[in-house]
Amino acid sequence: MFSGLIGYRGTVVSIEPDRSGARLRVACEGVAAEGVTAKDSIAIEGACLTVTRVEGDVVTFDLVPETLARTTLGDLAPDRVVNVEYALRLGDRIGGHFVYGHVDATVRIRTLREEGQGKRMRLDRPVALAGAIAEKGFITIDGVSLTVADAEDDWFEVALIPETLARTTLGVRREGDRVNLEVDPFARYAAAILETMRR
C-alpha cells in the first residue's frame, strides 16, 4: 500500500530482457534510510514491484510479461529518472490517498498548458475506466496522487502545482507521452459493484 506522495527519485541503471520478461535495476534514493531488503515492495512510476536484490543503492526487480503489458515500464531506458515510493508502514501519515500500485491502464497526455504557477494536464479517459474517473475524485499518474480537476467523455484533466512539477517526473512529461494510470481503489470497487448489479 502506498500514498501517492513521492518522496524519492531513482535513475534506471539497466533494463534487460529476461525470457519473456525483463530485469530492471534502479539506483534509488533513500535505500539505506528506508532499510530496503529483498522481498520489499517499492512503487516505480506507480507500479508496485517486489525487490529481488539490493546492492548499495541499486535495487533489482523482475518484470513479468503482465507488468510489461500493463505499464510503461518496458519503455524505460538507462539514465531515465523515475518516481520512487516505498511501501507505507503502520502509523505513517497518509497525505495523499490509498494507492495499491496496481496500474489500470496506460494513457496518453493530450495537452499540457501553463495555468497560474503550475500546469494543467489533459489525458485520455479510457472507456473501461470512465465510471471510476470523476471530477474531484482521486487519480494516480505515474505513482503521483492527484485530484481530477475536470472530466468529459473521452478525457480528464489534473492541475499540477509547482511542488509536484519539481518533485516528480511529471515535471518533465511532454504531450504525447504515455503514463501509468491507477484509479482510486474505492471508485474501482464501486464501479465493479454497479456493473455487477446491472447484469
N, C-alpha and C. Protein backbone atom coordinates (compact mmCIF):
# COMPACT_ATOMS: atom_id res chain seq x y z
N MET A 1 0.85 -1.19 0.00
CA MET A 1 0.00 0.00 0.00
C MET A 1 0.88 1.24 0.00
N PHE A 2 0.46 2.24 -0.79
CA PHE A 2 1.22 3.47 -0.93
C PHE A 2 0.28 4.66 -0.74
N SER A 3 0.85 5.87 -0.73
CA SER A 3 0.04 7.07 -0.54
C SER A 3 -0.01 7.95 -1.78
N GLY A 4 0.88 7.71 -2.74
CA GLY A 4 0.93 8.56 -3.92
C GLY A 4 1.70 9.85 -3.70
N LEU A 5 2.37 9.96 -2.54
CA LEU A 5 3.23 11.11 -2.28
C LEU A 5 4.67 10.70 -2.56
N ILE A 6 5.28 11.32 -3.53
CA ILE A 6 6.61 10.91 -3.98
C ILE A 6 7.68 11.64 -3.18
N GLY A 7 8.43 10.88 -2.38
CA GLY A 7 9.50 11.45 -1.58
C GLY A 7 10.87 11.22 -2.16
N TYR A 8 10.98 10.30 -3.09
CA TYR A 8 12.28 9.94 -3.65
C TYR A 8 12.20 9.81 -5.17
N ARG A 9 13.39 9.85 -5.76
CA ARG A 9 13.50 9.56 -7.19
C ARG A 9 14.53 8.45 -7.37
N GLY A 10 14.52 7.90 -8.55
CA GLY A 10 15.51 6.88 -8.90
C GLY A 10 15.99 7.11 -10.31
N THR A 11 17.09 6.47 -10.65
CA THR A 11 17.63 6.54 -12.01
C THR A 11 17.83 5.12 -12.52
N VAL A 12 17.28 4.83 -13.69
CA VAL A 12 17.41 3.49 -14.26
C VAL A 12 18.87 3.22 -14.57
N VAL A 13 19.38 2.11 -14.03
CA VAL A 13 20.74 1.66 -14.32
C VAL A 13 20.74 0.77 -15.56
N SER A 14 19.78 -0.17 -15.59
CA SER A 14 19.66 -1.05 -16.75
C SER A 14 18.29 -1.69 -16.78
N ILE A 15 17.87 -2.07 -17.96
CA ILE A 15 16.68 -2.90 -18.14
C ILE A 15 17.02 -3.88 -19.25
N GLU A 16 17.01 -5.17 -18.91
CA GLU A 16 17.47 -6.19 -19.84
C GLU A 16 16.42 -7.28 -19.99
N PRO A 17 16.26 -7.80 -21.20
CA PRO A 17 15.32 -8.90 -21.41
C PRO A 17 15.69 -10.11 -20.55
N ASP A 18 14.67 -10.78 -20.05
CA ASP A 18 14.87 -12.00 -19.26
C ASP A 18 13.73 -12.95 -19.60
N ARG A 19 14.00 -13.90 -20.49
CA ARG A 19 12.96 -14.75 -21.08
C ARG A 19 11.90 -13.86 -21.69
N SER A 20 10.63 -13.99 -21.33
CA SER A 20 9.61 -13.11 -21.93
C SER A 20 9.35 -11.87 -21.09
N GLY A 21 10.12 -11.70 -20.01
CA GLY A 21 10.00 -10.52 -19.17
C GLY A 21 11.25 -9.67 -19.25
N ALA A 22 11.58 -9.00 -18.14
CA ALA A 22 12.76 -8.16 -18.11
C ALA A 22 13.27 -8.04 -16.67
N ARG A 23 14.53 -7.67 -16.55
CA ARG A 23 15.13 -7.39 -15.24
C ARG A 23 15.47 -5.90 -15.21
N LEU A 24 14.93 -5.21 -14.21
CA LEU A 24 15.11 -3.77 -14.07
C LEU A 24 15.99 -3.48 -12.86
N ARG A 25 17.01 -2.63 -13.06
CA ARG A 25 17.87 -2.18 -11.96
C ARG A 25 17.79 -0.67 -11.88
N VAL A 26 17.48 -0.18 -10.67
CA VAL A 26 17.28 1.25 -10.44
C VAL A 26 18.12 1.71 -9.26
N ALA A 27 18.87 2.79 -9.43
CA ALA A 27 19.57 3.43 -8.32
C ALA A 27 18.56 4.33 -7.63
N CYS A 28 18.15 3.94 -6.43
CA CYS A 28 17.07 4.63 -5.73
C CYS A 28 17.59 5.48 -4.57
N GLU A 29 17.06 6.68 -4.45
CA GLU A 29 17.32 7.48 -3.27
C GLU A 29 16.65 6.80 -2.07
N GLY A 30 17.24 6.93 -0.88
CA GLY A 30 16.58 6.50 0.34
C GLY A 30 16.68 5.03 0.68
N VAL A 31 17.46 4.26 -0.05
CA VAL A 31 17.53 2.81 0.20
C VAL A 31 18.00 2.52 1.62
N ALA A 32 19.09 3.15 2.05
CA ALA A 32 19.62 2.90 3.40
C ALA A 32 18.66 3.42 4.46
N ALA A 33 18.15 4.62 4.29
CA ALA A 33 17.24 5.21 5.28
C ALA A 33 15.97 4.39 5.45
N GLU A 34 15.50 3.79 4.37
CA GLU A 34 14.26 3.00 4.42
C GLU A 34 14.52 1.54 4.78
N GLY A 35 15.80 1.15 4.88
CA GLY A 35 16.13 -0.23 5.25
C GLY A 35 15.62 -1.26 4.26
N VAL A 36 15.79 -0.99 2.98
CA VAL A 36 15.25 -1.86 1.93
C VAL A 36 15.97 -3.19 1.88
N THR A 37 15.20 -4.28 1.79
CA THR A 37 15.75 -5.62 1.63
C THR A 37 14.95 -6.36 0.56
N ALA A 38 15.51 -7.47 0.09
CA ALA A 38 14.79 -8.31 -0.86
C ALA A 38 13.45 -8.70 -0.26
N LYS A 39 12.42 -8.73 -1.11
CA LYS A 39 11.03 -9.04 -0.80
C LYS A 39 10.18 -7.81 -0.49
N ASP A 40 10.81 -6.64 -0.26
CA ASP A 40 10.05 -5.42 -0.01
C ASP A 40 9.32 -4.98 -1.28
N SER A 41 8.28 -4.18 -1.08
CA SER A 41 7.53 -3.60 -2.21
C SER A 41 7.93 -2.15 -2.39
N ILE A 42 8.21 -1.78 -3.63
CA ILE A 42 8.52 -0.40 -3.99
C ILE A 42 7.72 -0.06 -5.23
N ALA A 43 7.12 1.13 -5.24
CA ALA A 43 6.41 1.59 -6.44
C ALA A 43 7.38 2.38 -7.32
N ILE A 44 7.55 1.92 -8.54
CA ILE A 44 8.37 2.61 -9.54
C ILE A 44 7.42 3.11 -10.62
N GLU A 45 7.35 4.44 -10.78
CA GLU A 45 6.42 5.05 -11.73
C GLU A 45 4.99 4.57 -11.47
N GLY A 46 4.68 4.31 -10.20
CA GLY A 46 3.32 3.93 -9.83
C GLY A 46 3.02 2.46 -9.89
N ALA A 47 3.96 1.64 -10.32
CA ALA A 47 3.75 0.19 -10.40
C ALA A 47 4.43 -0.49 -9.22
N CYS A 48 3.67 -1.23 -8.44
CA CYS A 48 4.21 -1.95 -7.28
C CYS A 48 5.08 -3.11 -7.75
N LEU A 49 6.35 -3.08 -7.34
CA LEU A 49 7.30 -4.13 -7.73
C LEU A 49 7.92 -4.73 -6.48
N THR A 50 8.34 -6.00 -6.58
CA THR A 50 9.00 -6.68 -5.48
C THR A 50 10.50 -6.64 -5.67
N VAL A 51 11.20 -6.24 -4.61
CA VAL A 51 12.66 -6.18 -4.65
C VAL A 51 13.22 -7.60 -4.66
N THR A 52 14.13 -7.88 -5.59
CA THR A 52 14.77 -9.20 -5.65
C THR A 52 16.22 -9.15 -5.17
N ARG A 53 16.83 -7.94 -5.23
CA ARG A 53 18.22 -7.81 -4.81
C ARG A 53 18.52 -6.36 -4.51
N VAL A 54 19.40 -6.13 -3.51
CA VAL A 54 19.84 -4.78 -3.17
C VAL A 54 21.37 -4.77 -3.12
N GLU A 55 21.98 -3.89 -3.89
CA GLU A 55 23.44 -3.72 -3.91
C GLU A 55 23.71 -2.23 -3.73
N GLY A 56 24.02 -1.82 -2.49
CA GLY A 56 24.18 -0.40 -2.21
C GLY A 56 22.84 0.29 -2.41
N ASP A 57 22.82 1.27 -3.31
CA ASP A 57 21.54 1.94 -3.58
C ASP A 57 20.87 1.43 -4.86
N VAL A 58 21.44 0.38 -5.46
CA VAL A 58 20.86 -0.19 -6.68
C VAL A 58 19.93 -1.35 -6.32
N VAL A 59 18.69 -1.22 -6.73
CA VAL A 59 17.65 -2.20 -6.41
C VAL A 59 17.24 -2.91 -7.70
N THR A 60 17.12 -4.25 -7.62
CA THR A 60 16.75 -5.05 -8.79
C THR A 60 15.32 -5.56 -8.66
N PHE A 61 14.60 -5.55 -9.77
CA PHE A 61 13.22 -6.03 -9.85
C PHE A 61 13.07 -6.93 -11.07
N ASP A 62 12.23 -7.95 -10.97
CA ASP A 62 11.86 -8.77 -12.12
C ASP A 62 10.53 -8.27 -12.66
N LEU A 63 10.48 -7.99 -13.96
CA LEU A 63 9.26 -7.55 -14.61
C LEU A 63 8.71 -8.70 -15.44
N VAL A 64 7.57 -9.23 -15.02
CA VAL A 64 6.95 -10.34 -15.75
C VAL A 64 6.14 -9.78 -16.92
N PRO A 65 5.74 -10.63 -17.88
CA PRO A 65 5.00 -10.14 -19.05
C PRO A 65 3.76 -9.32 -18.69
N GLU A 66 3.04 -9.70 -17.63
CA GLU A 66 1.85 -8.95 -17.21
C GLU A 66 2.20 -7.51 -16.87
N THR A 67 3.29 -7.32 -16.15
CA THR A 67 3.72 -5.97 -15.77
C THR A 67 4.11 -5.17 -17.00
N LEU A 68 4.84 -5.78 -17.91
CA LEU A 68 5.26 -5.09 -19.13
C LEU A 68 4.06 -4.72 -20.01
N ALA A 69 3.04 -5.58 -20.03
CA ALA A 69 1.86 -5.34 -20.87
C ALA A 69 0.98 -4.22 -20.31
N ARG A 70 0.94 -4.07 -19.00
CA ARG A 70 0.00 -3.13 -18.39
C ARG A 70 0.59 -1.80 -17.96
N THR A 71 1.90 -1.64 -18.07
CA THR A 71 2.56 -0.42 -17.62
C THR A 71 3.49 0.13 -18.70
N THR A 72 4.09 1.26 -18.39
CA THR A 72 5.08 1.87 -19.29
C THR A 72 6.50 1.44 -18.93
N LEU A 73 6.66 0.52 -17.99
CA LEU A 73 8.00 0.16 -17.53
C LEU A 73 8.88 -0.42 -18.63
N GLY A 74 8.28 -1.07 -19.60
CA GLY A 74 9.05 -1.62 -20.71
C GLY A 74 9.68 -0.54 -21.59
N ASP A 75 9.20 0.69 -21.47
CA ASP A 75 9.74 1.81 -22.24
C ASP A 75 10.95 2.46 -21.57
N LEU A 76 11.26 2.04 -20.35
CA LEU A 76 12.37 2.66 -19.62
C LEU A 76 13.70 2.37 -20.29
N ALA A 77 14.65 3.27 -20.08
CA ALA A 77 16.00 3.13 -20.63
C ALA A 77 16.99 3.65 -19.60
N PRO A 78 18.25 3.23 -19.68
CA PRO A 78 19.25 3.71 -18.74
C PRO A 78 19.28 5.24 -18.66
N ASP A 79 19.48 5.73 -17.45
CA ASP A 79 19.56 7.16 -17.11
C ASP A 79 18.20 7.84 -17.01
N ARG A 80 17.12 7.13 -17.30
CA ARG A 80 15.79 7.72 -17.14
C ARG A 80 15.50 7.88 -15.65
N VAL A 81 15.00 9.05 -15.25
CA VAL A 81 14.63 9.31 -13.86
C VAL A 81 13.19 8.83 -13.64
N VAL A 82 12.96 8.17 -12.51
CA VAL A 82 11.65 7.60 -12.21
C VAL A 82 11.20 8.01 -10.80
N ASN A 83 9.87 8.01 -10.60
CA ASN A 83 9.31 8.24 -9.28
C ASN A 83 9.47 6.98 -8.45
N VAL A 84 9.87 7.15 -7.18
CA VAL A 84 10.06 6.03 -6.26
C VAL A 84 9.26 6.29 -4.99
N GLU A 85 8.44 5.31 -4.59
CA GLU A 85 7.76 5.38 -3.29
C GLU A 85 7.89 4.04 -2.59
N TYR A 86 8.34 4.09 -1.34
CA TYR A 86 8.44 2.88 -0.53
C TYR A 86 7.09 2.61 0.12
N ALA A 87 6.80 1.33 0.35
CA ALA A 87 5.51 0.94 0.91
C ALA A 87 5.29 1.60 2.27
N LEU A 88 4.04 1.93 2.54
CA LEU A 88 3.68 2.55 3.82
C LEU A 88 3.91 1.58 4.98
N ARG A 89 4.26 2.15 6.11
CA ARG A 89 4.34 1.38 7.35
C ARG A 89 3.16 1.76 8.22
N LEU A 90 2.75 0.87 9.10
CA LEU A 90 1.67 1.16 10.02
C LEU A 90 2.03 2.40 10.83
N GLY A 91 1.14 3.37 10.84
CA GLY A 91 1.39 4.60 11.58
C GLY A 91 1.88 5.74 10.72
N ASP A 92 2.23 5.46 9.44
CA ASP A 92 2.67 6.54 8.55
C ASP A 92 1.52 7.50 8.26
N ARG A 93 1.86 8.75 8.04
CA ARG A 93 0.86 9.75 7.68
C ARG A 93 0.39 9.51 6.25
N ILE A 94 -0.92 9.58 6.05
CA ILE A 94 -1.49 9.43 4.71
C ILE A 94 -1.87 10.83 4.24
N GLY A 95 -1.03 11.43 3.41
CA GLY A 95 -1.31 12.78 2.94
C GLY A 95 -1.93 12.78 1.56
N GLY A 96 -1.82 11.65 0.84
CA GLY A 96 -2.40 11.56 -0.49
C GLY A 96 -3.69 10.77 -0.42
N HIS A 97 -3.71 9.60 -1.06
CA HIS A 97 -4.84 8.68 -0.91
C HIS A 97 -4.29 7.26 -1.00
N PHE A 98 -5.11 6.27 -0.66
CA PHE A 98 -4.64 4.89 -0.71
C PHE A 98 -4.39 4.48 -2.16
N VAL A 99 -3.17 4.02 -2.41
CA VAL A 99 -2.73 3.61 -3.74
C VAL A 99 -2.19 2.20 -3.63
N TYR A 100 -2.61 1.31 -4.51
CA TYR A 100 -2.15 -0.09 -4.48
C TYR A 100 -0.90 -0.32 -5.32
N GLY A 101 -0.68 0.54 -6.30
CA GLY A 101 0.42 0.27 -7.23
C GLY A 101 0.03 -0.73 -8.28
N HIS A 102 -1.28 -0.93 -8.46
CA HIS A 102 -1.82 -1.83 -9.49
C HIS A 102 -2.29 -0.95 -10.65
N VAL A 103 -1.49 -0.84 -11.66
CA VAL A 103 -1.78 0.06 -12.78
C VAL A 103 -2.96 -0.46 -13.58
N ASP A 104 -3.96 0.41 -13.77
CA ASP A 104 -5.17 0.02 -14.50
C ASP A 104 -5.01 0.15 -16.01
N ALA A 105 -4.22 1.13 -16.42
CA ALA A 105 -4.06 1.38 -17.86
C ALA A 105 -2.90 2.34 -18.08
N THR A 106 -2.42 2.38 -19.31
CA THR A 106 -1.50 3.46 -19.70
C THR A 106 -2.32 4.40 -20.57
N VAL A 107 -2.13 5.69 -20.36
CA VAL A 107 -2.88 6.69 -21.11
C VAL A 107 -1.92 7.73 -21.67
N ARG A 108 -2.38 8.43 -22.69
CA ARG A 108 -1.57 9.42 -23.39
C ARG A 108 -1.89 10.82 -22.86
N ILE A 109 -0.84 11.62 -22.70
CA ILE A 109 -1.02 13.03 -22.35
C ILE A 109 -1.43 13.77 -23.63
N ARG A 110 -2.61 14.35 -23.62
CA ARG A 110 -3.09 15.06 -24.82
C ARG A 110 -2.50 16.46 -24.90
N THR A 111 -2.65 17.20 -23.80
CA THR A 111 -2.14 18.58 -23.80
C THR A 111 -1.56 18.92 -22.44
N LEU A 112 -0.65 19.88 -22.46
CA LEU A 112 -0.08 20.47 -21.25
C LEU A 112 -0.09 21.97 -21.45
N ARG A 113 -0.65 22.71 -20.52
CA ARG A 113 -0.65 24.16 -20.67
C ARG A 113 -0.36 24.83 -19.33
N GLU A 114 0.24 25.99 -19.40
CA GLU A 114 0.52 26.77 -18.20
C GLU A 114 -0.81 27.18 -17.56
N GLU A 115 -0.86 27.13 -16.23
CA GLU A 115 -2.06 27.57 -15.51
C GLU A 115 -1.61 28.12 -14.16
N GLY A 116 -1.72 29.44 -14.00
CA GLY A 116 -1.24 30.04 -12.77
C GLY A 116 0.24 29.74 -12.58
N GLN A 117 0.61 29.28 -11.39
CA GLN A 117 2.00 28.93 -11.11
C GLN A 117 2.34 27.52 -11.59
N GLY A 118 1.33 26.75 -11.96
CA GLY A 118 1.55 25.35 -12.33
C GLY A 118 1.16 25.05 -13.77
N LYS A 119 0.69 23.83 -13.98
CA LYS A 119 0.29 23.39 -15.32
C LYS A 119 -1.01 22.59 -15.23
N ARG A 120 -1.71 22.58 -16.34
CA ARG A 120 -2.92 21.78 -16.49
C ARG A 120 -2.60 20.68 -17.49
N MET A 121 -2.85 19.42 -17.11
CA MET A 121 -2.56 18.28 -17.96
C MET A 121 -3.87 17.60 -18.34
N ARG A 122 -4.08 17.40 -19.65
CA ARG A 122 -5.26 16.68 -20.14
C ARG A 122 -4.80 15.33 -20.66
N LEU A 123 -5.52 14.27 -20.25
CA LEU A 123 -5.14 12.91 -20.60
C LEU A 123 -6.34 12.15 -21.18
N ASP A 124 -6.04 11.08 -21.91
CA ASP A 124 -7.11 10.20 -22.41
C ASP A 124 -7.85 9.60 -21.23
N ARG A 125 -9.17 9.45 -21.39
CA ARG A 125 -10.01 8.81 -20.38
C ARG A 125 -10.52 7.49 -20.97
N PRO A 126 -9.91 6.35 -20.54
CA PRO A 126 -10.31 5.06 -21.12
C PRO A 126 -11.79 4.75 -20.85
N VAL A 127 -12.46 4.26 -21.87
CA VAL A 127 -13.88 3.95 -21.75
C VAL A 127 -14.14 2.98 -20.59
N ALA A 128 -13.30 1.96 -20.46
CA ALA A 128 -13.50 0.95 -19.42
C ALA A 128 -13.35 1.50 -18.01
N LEU A 129 -12.67 2.64 -17.87
CA LEU A 129 -12.44 3.22 -16.53
C LEU A 129 -13.23 4.50 -16.31
N ALA A 130 -14.02 4.90 -17.28
CA ALA A 130 -14.70 6.20 -17.22
C ALA A 130 -15.52 6.36 -15.95
N GLY A 131 -16.19 5.29 -15.52
CA GLY A 131 -17.02 5.38 -14.33
C GLY A 131 -16.25 5.57 -13.04
N ALA A 132 -14.94 5.31 -13.08
CA ALA A 132 -14.11 5.45 -11.88
C ALA A 132 -13.28 6.73 -11.90
N ILE A 133 -13.47 7.56 -12.92
CA ILE A 133 -12.74 8.83 -13.02
C ILE A 133 -13.78 9.95 -12.96
N ALA A 134 -13.86 10.59 -11.81
CA ALA A 134 -14.87 11.61 -11.60
C ALA A 134 -14.23 12.91 -11.13
N GLU A 135 -14.82 14.02 -11.53
CA GLU A 135 -14.32 15.32 -11.11
C GLU A 135 -14.24 15.39 -9.59
N LYS A 136 -13.10 15.85 -9.08
CA LYS A 136 -12.78 15.97 -7.65
C LYS A 136 -12.50 14.63 -6.99
N GLY A 137 -12.46 13.56 -7.78
CA GLY A 137 -12.05 12.26 -7.26
C GLY A 137 -10.53 12.13 -7.33
N PHE A 138 -10.01 11.08 -6.72
CA PHE A 138 -8.57 10.82 -6.74
C PHE A 138 -8.18 10.04 -7.99
N ILE A 139 -6.95 10.26 -8.43
CA ILE A 139 -6.35 9.52 -9.53
C ILE A 139 -4.85 9.44 -9.25
N THR A 140 -4.20 8.41 -9.77
CA THR A 140 -2.75 8.31 -9.63
C THR A 140 -2.13 8.25 -11.01
N ILE A 141 -1.19 9.15 -11.28
CA ILE A 141 -0.48 9.19 -12.56
C ILE A 141 1.00 9.01 -12.29
N ASP A 142 1.58 7.95 -12.85
CA ASP A 142 2.98 7.60 -12.61
C ASP A 142 3.31 7.58 -11.11
N GLY A 143 2.33 7.13 -10.33
CA GLY A 143 2.53 7.00 -8.88
C GLY A 143 2.21 8.24 -8.08
N VAL A 144 1.83 9.33 -8.73
CA VAL A 144 1.57 10.60 -8.05
C VAL A 144 0.08 10.74 -7.76
N SER A 145 -0.27 10.95 -6.49
CA SER A 145 -1.66 11.15 -6.09
C SER A 145 -2.12 12.54 -6.52
N LEU A 146 -3.21 12.58 -7.31
CA LEU A 146 -3.73 13.84 -7.82
C LEU A 146 -5.24 13.88 -7.73
N THR A 147 -5.80 15.07 -7.84
CA THR A 147 -7.25 15.25 -7.87
C THR A 147 -7.68 15.53 -9.30
N VAL A 148 -8.75 14.86 -9.73
CA VAL A 148 -9.29 15.11 -11.07
C VAL A 148 -9.92 16.50 -11.07
N ALA A 149 -9.41 17.38 -11.92
CA ALA A 149 -9.91 18.76 -11.97
C ALA A 149 -11.13 18.90 -12.88
N ASP A 150 -11.20 18.07 -13.92
CA ASP A 150 -12.31 18.13 -14.86
C ASP A 150 -12.34 16.82 -15.63
N ALA A 151 -13.50 16.44 -16.11
CA ALA A 151 -13.63 15.19 -16.87
C ALA A 151 -14.77 15.30 -17.87
N GLU A 152 -14.49 14.83 -19.08
CA GLU A 152 -15.51 14.73 -20.12
C GLU A 152 -15.51 13.29 -20.62
N ASP A 153 -16.27 13.02 -21.70
CA ASP A 153 -16.45 11.64 -22.16
C ASP A 153 -15.13 10.91 -22.42
N ASP A 154 -14.21 11.56 -23.13
CA ASP A 154 -13.01 10.83 -23.53
C ASP A 154 -11.71 11.44 -23.01
N TRP A 155 -11.80 12.40 -22.07
CA TRP A 155 -10.59 12.97 -21.48
C TRP A 155 -10.86 13.40 -20.03
N PHE A 156 -9.78 13.57 -19.30
CA PHE A 156 -9.87 14.17 -17.97
C PHE A 156 -8.64 15.04 -17.76
N GLU A 157 -8.72 15.93 -16.78
CA GLU A 157 -7.61 16.85 -16.52
C GLU A 157 -7.22 16.84 -15.05
N VAL A 158 -5.93 17.12 -14.82
CA VAL A 158 -5.42 17.33 -13.47
C VAL A 158 -4.66 18.65 -13.47
N ALA A 159 -4.65 19.30 -12.30
CA ALA A 159 -3.90 20.54 -12.12
C ALA A 159 -2.64 20.20 -11.34
N LEU A 160 -1.49 20.57 -11.88
CA LEU A 160 -0.21 20.25 -11.26
C LEU A 160 0.38 21.50 -10.62
N ILE A 161 0.59 21.45 -9.32
CA ILE A 161 1.17 22.58 -8.61
C ILE A 161 2.69 22.57 -8.78
N PRO A 162 3.36 23.69 -8.56
CA PRO A 162 4.82 23.75 -8.74
C PRO A 162 5.57 22.68 -7.93
N GLU A 163 5.11 22.38 -6.72
CA GLU A 163 5.78 21.37 -5.89
C GLU A 163 5.75 20.00 -6.57
N THR A 164 4.63 19.64 -7.15
CA THR A 164 4.53 18.36 -7.86
C THR A 164 5.42 18.34 -9.08
N LEU A 165 5.44 19.44 -9.82
CA LEU A 165 6.29 19.53 -11.01
C LEU A 165 7.77 19.42 -10.65
N ALA A 166 8.15 19.97 -9.50
CA ALA A 166 9.56 19.97 -9.09
C ALA A 166 9.98 18.63 -8.49
N ARG A 167 9.08 17.96 -7.76
CA ARG A 167 9.46 16.76 -7.00
C ARG A 167 9.25 15.45 -7.75
N THR A 168 8.49 15.48 -8.83
CA THR A 168 8.15 14.23 -9.53
C THR A 168 8.52 14.32 -11.01
N THR A 169 8.44 13.18 -11.66
CA THR A 169 8.76 13.14 -13.09
C THR A 169 7.67 13.78 -13.95
N LEU A 170 6.54 14.15 -13.36
CA LEU A 170 5.50 14.81 -14.14
C LEU A 170 5.99 16.17 -14.65
N GLY A 171 7.00 16.72 -13.99
CA GLY A 171 7.56 17.99 -14.43
C GLY A 171 8.29 17.92 -15.74
N VAL A 172 8.67 16.72 -16.18
CA VAL A 172 9.39 16.60 -17.46
C VAL A 172 8.56 15.86 -18.52
N ARG A 173 7.35 15.51 -18.20
CA ARG A 173 6.49 14.85 -19.19
C ARG A 173 6.11 15.83 -20.29
N ARG A 174 5.87 15.28 -21.48
CA ARG A 174 5.53 16.09 -22.65
C ARG A 174 4.24 15.57 -23.29
N GLU A 175 3.62 16.41 -24.10
CA GLU A 175 2.43 15.98 -24.83
C GLU A 175 2.76 14.76 -25.67
N GLY A 176 1.88 13.78 -25.66
CA GLY A 176 2.09 12.55 -26.40
C GLY A 176 2.71 11.44 -25.58
N ASP A 177 3.33 11.77 -24.43
CA ASP A 177 3.91 10.73 -23.58
C ASP A 177 2.82 9.82 -23.02
N ARG A 178 3.17 8.55 -22.82
CA ARG A 178 2.28 7.62 -22.13
C ARG A 178 2.66 7.59 -20.66
N VAL A 179 1.64 7.51 -19.80
CA VAL A 179 1.86 7.45 -18.36
C VAL A 179 1.02 6.32 -17.76
N ASN A 180 1.43 5.88 -16.57
CA ASN A 180 0.68 4.84 -15.85
C ASN A 180 -0.47 5.47 -15.09
N LEU A 181 -1.63 4.85 -15.17
CA LEU A 181 -2.84 5.36 -14.53
C LEU A 181 -3.40 4.32 -13.57
N GLU A 182 -3.67 4.75 -12.35
CA GLU A 182 -4.40 3.92 -11.39
C GLU A 182 -5.55 4.73 -10.84
N VAL A 183 -6.76 4.20 -10.96
CA VAL A 183 -7.92 4.90 -10.42
C VAL A 183 -7.99 4.67 -8.91
N ASP A 184 -8.75 5.52 -8.25
CA ASP A 184 -8.97 5.39 -6.81
C ASP A 184 -9.55 3.99 -6.54
N PRO A 185 -8.92 3.20 -5.66
CA PRO A 185 -9.43 1.84 -5.43
C PRO A 185 -10.88 1.79 -4.98
N PHE A 186 -11.31 2.78 -4.21
CA PHE A 186 -12.71 2.79 -3.76
C PHE A 186 -13.64 3.00 -4.95
N ALA A 187 -13.24 3.88 -5.88
CA ALA A 187 -14.04 4.09 -7.09
C ALA A 187 -14.06 2.83 -7.94
N ARG A 188 -12.91 2.12 -8.00
CA ARG A 188 -12.83 0.88 -8.78
C ARG A 188 -13.85 -0.14 -8.26
N TYR A 189 -13.89 -0.31 -6.94
CA TYR A 189 -14.81 -1.29 -6.36
C TYR A 189 -16.27 -0.86 -6.53
N ALA A 190 -16.53 0.44 -6.37
CA ALA A 190 -17.90 0.93 -6.54
C ALA A 190 -18.37 0.69 -7.97
N ALA A 191 -17.50 0.97 -8.94
CA ALA A 191 -17.85 0.76 -10.35
C ALA A 191 -18.08 -0.71 -10.64
N ALA A 192 -17.28 -1.59 -10.04
CA ALA A 192 -17.44 -3.03 -10.25
C ALA A 192 -18.76 -3.52 -9.66
N ILE A 193 -19.13 -3.01 -8.50
CA ILE A 193 -20.39 -3.40 -7.86
C ILE A 193 -21.57 -2.96 -8.73
N LEU A 194 -21.54 -1.73 -9.21
CA LEU A 194 -22.62 -1.22 -10.05
C LEU A 194 -22.75 -2.03 -11.34
N GLU A 195 -21.61 -2.40 -11.91
CA GLU A 195 -21.63 -3.21 -13.14
C GLU A 195 -22.25 -4.58 -12.88
N THR A 196 -21.93 -5.16 -11.73
CA THR A 196 -22.49 -6.46 -11.37
C THR A 196 -23.99 -6.37 -11.17
N MET A 197 -24.45 -5.27 -10.56
CA MET A 197 -25.88 -5.09 -10.30
C MET A 197 -26.68 -4.91 -11.59
N ARG A 198 -26.02 -4.39 -12.63
CA ARG A 198 -26.70 -4.19 -13.91
C ARG A 198 -26.93 -5.50 -14.66
N ARG A 199 -26.16 -6.51 -14.33
CA ARG A 199 -26.26 -7.78 -15.06
C ARG A 199 -27.48 -8.59 -14.66
